Amino acid sequence: MSGSGAGAKRPPIALTTGSKVRVRSAGPEDAAIVSTGIYRGLVSIAGDNVLAIELDGSDGEEKGRTRLVPIPAVLAIDILEVAKAEEEKHAEPQAAPGYFR
């Protein structure tokens, strides 16, 4: 069993725009390309879907450059920090229970 309590629920896994990620993708020969940065979304180019990653420069890449990684080339995605979904950020706050006038 896991170390967490039996009643503890894990939040659902979601790759949201603005999350910090590390993506390993197929590269030349048997090497993998590692891209670390901010996930900017899914882009469609000529009918093919690609991940848009804004590089943070931690792996010796140019900071701020956007790398497009084709979905079929993705080997692994590590979600390092999760960003809140836009729907959660803009959700109306719940009205406090009380009397209405």
Protein backbone atom coordinates (compact mmCIF):
# COMPACT_ATOMS: atom_id res chain seq x y z
CA MET A 1 0.00 0.00 0.00
CA SER A 2 1.05 3.58 -0.44
CA GLY A 3 2.24 5.74 2.41
CA SER A 4 -0.69 8.15 2.14
CA GLY A 5 -3.94 7.67 4.01
CA ALA A 6 -6.45 5.21 2.63
CA GLY A 7 -9.09 7.93 2.23
CA ALA A 8 -6.78 10.45 0.55
CA LYS A 9 -7.66 11.13 -3.08
CA ARG A 10 -5.15 12.27 -5.64
CA PRO A 11 -6.17 15.07 -7.97
CA PRO A 12 -6.74 14.04 -11.58
CA ILE A 13 -3.72 14.28 -13.85
CA ALA A 14 -3.99 17.13 -16.33
CA LEU A 15 -1.45 18.81 -18.57
CA THR A 16 -2.57 22.43 -18.37
CA THR A 17 -1.22 25.43 -20.23
CA GLY A 18 1.40 27.16 -18.10
CA SER A 19 2.58 23.99 -16.33
CA LYS A 20 6.32 23.41 -16.01
CA VAL A 21 7.28 20.20 -17.83
CA ARG A 22 10.23 18.10 -18.93
CA VAL A 23 9.62 16.33 -22.25
CA ARG A 24 11.82 13.55 -23.58
CA SER A 25 11.42 13.00 -27.30
CA ALA A 26 13.05 10.89 -29.97
CA GLY A 27 16.16 12.48 -31.43
CA PRO A 28 18.84 11.51 -33.91
CA GLU A 29 20.22 7.97 -33.71
CA ASP A 30 19.37 6.49 -30.30
CA ALA A 31 19.59 9.78 -28.40
CA ALA A 32 16.67 11.50 -26.69
CA ILE A 33 16.07 15.24 -26.80
CA VAL A 34 15.18 16.71 -23.38
CA SER A 35 13.10 19.90 -23.39
CA THR A 36 12.39 21.62 -20.06
CA GLY A 37 10.13 24.63 -19.80
CA ILE A 38 6.56 25.90 -19.78
CA TYR A 39 3.85 23.99 -21.67
CA ARG A 40 2.19 26.50 -24.00
CA GLY A 41 -0.38 24.22 -25.59
CA LEU A 42 -1.12 21.90 -28.44
CA VAL A 43 -0.53 23.21 -31.97
CA SER A 44 -1.69 21.70 -35.24
CA ILE A 45 0.68 21.95 -38.21
CA ALA A 46 -0.53 20.50 -41.50
CA GLY A 47 -2.85 18.17 -39.63
CA ASP A 48 -0.17 16.90 -37.22
CA ASN A 49 -0.37 17.77 -33.53
CA VAL A 50 2.70 19.05 -31.69
CA LEU A 51 3.41 20.16 -28.11
CA ALA A 52 4.61 23.76 -27.76
CA ILE A 53 7.23 24.09 -24.99
CA GLU A 54 8.76 27.47 -24.07
CA LEU A 55 12.30 26.48 -23.08
CA ASP A 56 13.66 27.73 -19.75
CA GLY A 57 17.36 27.31 -20.57
CA SER A 58 18.01 24.71 -17.84
CA ASP A 59 19.26 22.08 -20.30
CA GLY A 60 21.66 24.40 -22.14
CA GLU A 61 18.96 25.51 -24.59
CA GLU A 62 18.14 29.06 -25.53
CA LYS A 63 15.85 30.50 -22.87
CA GLY A 64 12.53 31.75 -24.25
CA ARG A 65 12.73 29.77 -27.50
CA THR A 66 9.61 27.73 -28.29
CA ARG A 67 10.22 24.09 -29.19
CA LEU A 68 7.54 22.17 -31.09
CA VAL A 69 7.62 18.45 -30.29
CA PRO A 70 5.57 16.14 -32.56
CA ILE A 71 3.23 13.89 -30.56
CA PRO A 72 4.54 10.64 -32.16
CA ALA A 73 8.10 11.58 -31.09
CA VAL A 74 7.19 11.99 -27.37
CA LEU A 75 8.83 9.36 -25.17
CA ALA A 76 7.88 10.79 -21.75
CA ILE A 77 6.41 13.90 -20.14
CA ASP A 78 7.29 14.83 -16.55
CA ILE A 79 4.93 17.39 -15.02
CA LEU A 80 7.18 19.34 -12.64
CA GLU A 81 4.70 22.03 -11.54
CA VAL A 82 1.00 22.10 -12.35
CA ALA A 83 -0.63 25.38 -13.36
CA LYS A 84 -4.30 25.91 -12.56
CA ALA A 85 -6.64 25.50 -15.50
CA GLU A 86 -8.08 28.73 -16.91
CA GLU A 87 -11.60 27.64 -15.89
CA GLU A 88 -10.47 27.41 -12.25
CA LYS A 89 -8.79 30.84 -12.36
CA HIS A 90 -11.89 32.58 -13.73
CA ALA A 91 -14.52 30.65 -11.81
CA GLU A 92 -16.99 32.76 -9.90
CA PRO A 93 -16.42 32.61 -6.15
CA GLN A 94 -19.10 30.73 -4.27
CA ALA A 95 -21.58 32.96 -2.48
CA ALA A 96 -21.29 32.69 1.26
CA PRO A 97 -24.27 30.97 2.82
CA GLY A 98 -26.50 33.45 4.61
CA TYR A 99 -29.70 35.37 4.42
CA PHE A 100 -30.83 37.03 1.24
CA ARG A 101 -32.40 40.47 1.30
